[in-house]
Amino acid sequence: MQYQEAYIEVNPKVMMGKPVIKGTRITVELIIEKLAAGENETTILTDYPSLSREAILAALQFAANNLKADHIYPIAS
């Protein structure tokens, strides 16, 4: 299912244009950072009651879709 359109917005007047969950100031970046730090979905949903499981999945989908773009990532030698 495509969650991105239903849950993610980019508005230059909200969080300096960072992608956020619609109707909140919770950034996709924050959600990804929390998951990467080892927090689980239940903890995030408890800490941010305005979020839903679908919003977290939308954040992951947004990040994955943006990584599919043609970027060159330098590898340290």
C-alpha atoms as a PDB file:
ATOM      1  CA  MET A   1       0.000   0.000   0.000  1.00  0.00           C
ATOM      2  CA  GLN A   2       1.201   3.506  -0.787  1.00  0.00           C
ATOM      3  CA  TYR A   3       1.133   5.344   2.535  1.00  0.00           C
ATOM      4  CA  GLN A   4       3.353   8.207   1.512  1.00  0.00           C
ATOM      5  CA  GLU A   5       0.688  10.457  -0.045  1.00  0.00           C
ATOM      6  CA  ALA A   6      -1.708   9.980   2.866  1.00  0.00           C
ATOM      7  CA  TYR A   7       0.767  10.556   5.691  1.00  0.00           C
ATOM      8  CA  ILE A   8       3.764  12.634   4.563  1.00  0.00           C
ATOM      9  CA  GLU A   9       3.847  16.318   3.720  1.00  0.00           C
ATOM     10  CA  VAL A  10       6.589  18.752   2.817  1.00  0.00           C
ATOM     11  CA  ASN A  11       5.707  22.344   3.601  1.00  0.00           C
ATOM     12  CA  PRO A  12       8.335  25.091   3.805  1.00  0.00           C
ATOM     13  CA  LYS A  13       6.345  26.626   6.692  1.00  0.00           C
ATOM     14  CA  VAL A  14       6.580  23.476   8.812  1.00  0.00           C
ATOM     15  CA  MET A  15       9.924  22.342  10.248  1.00  0.00           C
ATOM     16  CA  MET A  16      11.815  24.318   7.584  1.00  0.00           C
ATOM     17  CA  GLY A  17      10.410  22.118   4.824  1.00  0.00           C
ATOM     18  CA  LYS A  18      11.545  18.782   6.214  1.00  0.00           C
ATOM     19  CA  PRO A  19       9.168  15.908   5.467  1.00  0.00           C
ATOM     20  CA  VAL A  20       6.754  15.476   8.377  1.00  0.00           C
ATOM     21  CA  ILE A  21       3.769  13.370   9.277  1.00  0.00           C
ATOM     22  CA  LYS A  22       0.744  15.383   8.135  1.00  0.00           C
ATOM     23  CA  GLY A  23      -0.830  17.499  10.847  1.00  0.00           C
ATOM     24  CA  THR A  24       2.210  17.176  13.136  1.00  0.00           C
ATOM     25  CA  ARG A  25       5.711  18.527  13.523  1.00  0.00           C
ATOM     26  CA  ILE A  26       7.094  14.984  13.738  1.00  0.00           C
ATOM     27  CA  THR A  27       9.716  14.589  11.035  1.00  0.00           C
ATOM     28  CA  VAL A  28      10.437  11.497   9.002  1.00  0.00           C
ATOM     29  CA  GLU A  29      14.024  12.006  10.123  1.00  0.00           C
ATOM     30  CA  LEU A  30      13.059  11.696  13.807  1.00  0.00           C
ATOM     31  CA  ILE A  31      11.168   8.463  13.207  1.00  0.00           C
ATOM     32  CA  ILE A  32      14.043   6.924  11.242  1.00  0.00           C
ATOM     33  CA  GLU A  33      16.573   8.010  13.882  1.00  0.00           C
ATOM     34  CA  LYS A  34      14.524   6.460  16.672  1.00  0.00           C
ATOM     35  CA  LEU A  35      14.152   3.174  14.807  1.00  0.00           C
ATOM     36  CA  ALA A  36      17.875   3.167  13.981  1.00  0.00           C
ATOM     37  CA  ALA A  37      18.682   3.733  17.657  1.00  0.00           C
ATOM     38  CA  GLY A  38      16.794   0.560  18.494  1.00  0.00           C
ATOM     39  CA  GLU A  39      13.494   1.976  19.689  1.00  0.00           C
ATOM     40  CA  ASN A  40      10.583  -0.225  18.764  1.00  0.00           C
ATOM     41  CA  GLU A  41       7.309   0.786  17.195  1.00  0.00           C
ATOM     42  CA  THR A  42       5.367   0.417  20.450  1.00  0.00           C
ATOM     43  CA  THR A  43       7.668   2.812  22.300  1.00  0.00           C
ATOM     44  CA  ILE A  44       7.497   5.389  19.518  1.00  0.00           C
ATOM     45  CA  LEU A  45       3.699   5.173  19.413  1.00  0.00           C
ATOM     46  CA  THR A  46       3.556   5.601  23.205  1.00  0.00           C
ATOM     47  CA  ASP A  47       5.931   8.583  23.143  1.00  0.00           C
ATOM     48  CA  TYR A  48       4.098  10.224  20.216  1.00  0.00           C
ATOM     49  CA  PRO A  49       0.372   9.473  20.580  1.00  0.00           C
ATOM     50  CA  SER A  50      -0.476  11.474  17.445  1.00  0.00           C
ATOM     51  CA  LEU A  51       1.397   8.877  15.364  1.00  0.00           C
ATOM     52  CA  SER A  52      -0.014   5.658  14.001  1.00  0.00           C
ATOM     53  CA  ARG A  53       1.620   2.468  12.814  1.00  0.00           C
ATOM     54  CA  GLU A  54       0.723   3.500   9.260  1.00  0.00           C
ATOM     55  CA  ALA A  55       2.515   6.828   9.734  1.00  0.00           C
ATOM     56  CA  ILE A  56       5.679   5.014  10.828  1.00  0.00           C
ATOM     57  CA  LEU A  57       5.439   2.753   7.778  1.00  0.00           C
ATOM     58  CA  ALA A  58       4.936   5.822   5.594  1.00  0.00           C
ATOM     59  CA  ALA A  59       8.110   7.356   7.027  1.00  0.00           C
ATOM     60  CA  LEU A  60      10.039   4.177   6.216  1.00  0.00           C
ATOM     61  CA  GLN A  61       8.566   4.080   2.725  1.00  0.00           C
ATOM     62  CA  PHE A  62       9.430   7.745   2.168  1.00  0.00           C
ATOM     63  CA  ALA A  63      13.042   7.137   3.232  1.00  0.00           C
ATOM     64  CA  ALA A  64      13.350   4.028   1.060  1.00  0.00           C
ATOM     65  CA  ASN A  65      11.892   5.795  -1.970  1.00  0.00           C
ATOM     66  CA  ASN A  66      14.304   8.684  -1.569  1.00  0.00           C
ATOM     67  CA  LEU A  67      17.274   6.351  -1.364  1.00  0.00           C
ATOM     68  CA  LYS A  68      16.277   4.858  -4.721  1.00  0.00           C
ATOM     69  CA  ALA A  69      17.226   8.103  -6.453  1.00  0.00           C
ATOM     70  CA  ASP A  70      20.442   8.221  -8.448  1.00  0.00           C
ATOM     71  CA  HIS A  71      22.981   9.227  -5.821  1.00  0.00           C
ATOM     72  CA  ILE A  72      26.622   8.362  -5.529  1.00  0.00           C
ATOM     73  CA  TYR A  73      27.647   7.441  -2.012  1.00  0.00           C
ATOM     74  CA  PRO A  74      31.395   7.721  -1.433  1.00  0.00           C
ATOM     75  CA  ILE A  75      32.975   4.808   0.350  1.00  0.00           C
ATOM     76  CA  ALA A  76      35.812   5.506   2.734  1.00  0.00           C
ATOM     77  CA  SER A  77      39.031   3.777   1.756  1.00  0.00           C
END
